Amino acid sequence: MTASTSVGNSGNQPQWDRVQSDLREFYGQDIHDSWFKRIVYEGLTDGTVELSVPTPFVRHWLQTHYSKDVLSRLQKEDESVTGLRISVRGAGRSPRPAAAAPNQNTGPQQAAGAPNAVNVAQQQRAPLVPGLEGSSLDQRFQFSTMAEGAPNALAVAAAKKIALAQPGQNVGFNLLFFHGLVGLGKTHLLQAMAQEAGRSSPGRRVLYLTSEHFMYRFVAALKARNTLTFKDVLRDIDCLLIDDLQFLNGQKVTEEFGHTLSTLMDSGRQIVIAADRPPADLDGLDTRVRSRLGSGLVVELQAPDYPMRREILGHRIAVQRELCPDLDFPEEVLDFVARSVTTNGRDLDGAVTRLVANNQLTGAPISLAMAETTLRDLLRARESRKPKIEDIQRVVSTHYAISKHDLVSSRRTRNIVRPRQIAMYLSKTLTPRSLPEIGRRFGNRDHTTVLHAVRKIESLTGQDPKIAEDIETLKRLLDN
């Protein structure tokens, strides 16, 4: 391609045809025809390639999912290309182009009013601590954009208390640990905290890191023989937030994390950590580190309830209407999705995206029939959802009128031992957890104790009708 100073230069069409051919070969004919075929090459202006598409929806989808790949292929054709701009052509509408620089990170679809998805302004670095750059923060992840309800009320309240605290202020707990399955808002909470803390107290030293970023920085410091500087910087901050701790691995890295954790806690600094499981189940960490993590405020994020799911869907549909002003999303379909997709916020986002894409690409109206067909796999996921050990402990405790503390304690009275064995049996048969892991969740018991409990209940279900009936009742309760 040769540089041009005006849009509409068709002299570079052969190069663009080669890019189109590459995209077709890489993604396949179906995806190419859905998203790339309708792109028109408009020209090259001061290093920025100008492309146009027929609708705002197609532009947004390309910017969100494919712009980085398209740009890299354009740069292979012409090294002078530095950016990409996609606009909407025709229909008498003023396009809202968004330029993409070569090293931008394209994020997922943003909330209404947020910057365009491909703009680098959407991403910013975490508040800087001299000597160590934090992981990127997404501007969509604010407290104001988070759906709140009973499943996350404690988590949000604790997060806001820390985020709004002033330097040196005692919030009552200097370690906050969030855990829960994917898509329940852990990253949203941590990034909202980092951004709010930076606004409410600019002098506060706040650092947000993913576990991968922590590992990368530490390994880089090891190679550069500069670990002392890394340690000094990390341990001299006011609030450290670490995301996805379950991915932390490597003996030296986990040892350094343990030392950092102890130093910050002992000096009264604030630590916030998120993982997909509670501290006791983080097998990659030393027992003492798991114990220390468990000594803080540990909060589990639950799947969103119906009101929260409605709120999440409302936000997502509002964003889609920014792109497609004529979008008709019937109330009955919104209600169906909210009642049927019960897993997490990401699946709700995906449900809306699929329905709108189907509507925009085929012209078919969004209806219950479309939703049932388009979301078939999400509905199957709901049917096959497995309970967690915490769910089993809660349901068994309630059914037998004992406390969860008694269930995992060392007490051996009959009214506790049998429910405990039943809970262990259900944990083994209804979850993918191993015997040692189940044993840890029941008061750090040995795996042989769990195996004995499983075999005992298996035997009793064939001999005692009451036990068999209780097992079936508990399974039904867990399936609701």
Foldseek 3Di string as FASTA:
>chain_A
DDADADWQDCPCVVLVVVLLVVCCVVVHPVVSVQAPPQKDFTHHRQQETEIEGAFLVSVLCCLQPPQLVSQVSSCVSPVSRFWYWYFHDDPPDDTDIEIAGNPADQHHFAFPPQPRRRHSVQWDWFQDQPPDTADIAGNRLAPVNAQDDDLCPVVLVVLVLQLQDEFPDDSPFQEEEEAAAPFLQPSSSLSNSRVSNCVNYVVAFEHEHELVSLVVVCVVCVVVVNNVSVLVRLLPGQEYEYEACLPHADDVSLVSVQVSVVSCVVVPGHYYYYHHDQLLLSVRHDPVSSVVNVVTHYGYRDFDALVSLLSLLVRLVVSVCVRVVPADDDPVNSNVLSVQQGGHSVLSNVLVVQQVSCCVSVVDHRDPVCSCVRCVVSNVCLQLPFFALVLLLVLLCVVLVHDSCLLLDPDDDPSNPLSNLLSLLCNVPGHPDALQSSCSVSPNHHSVVSVVSNVVLVVVLVPPVVSVVVSVVSVVVRSD
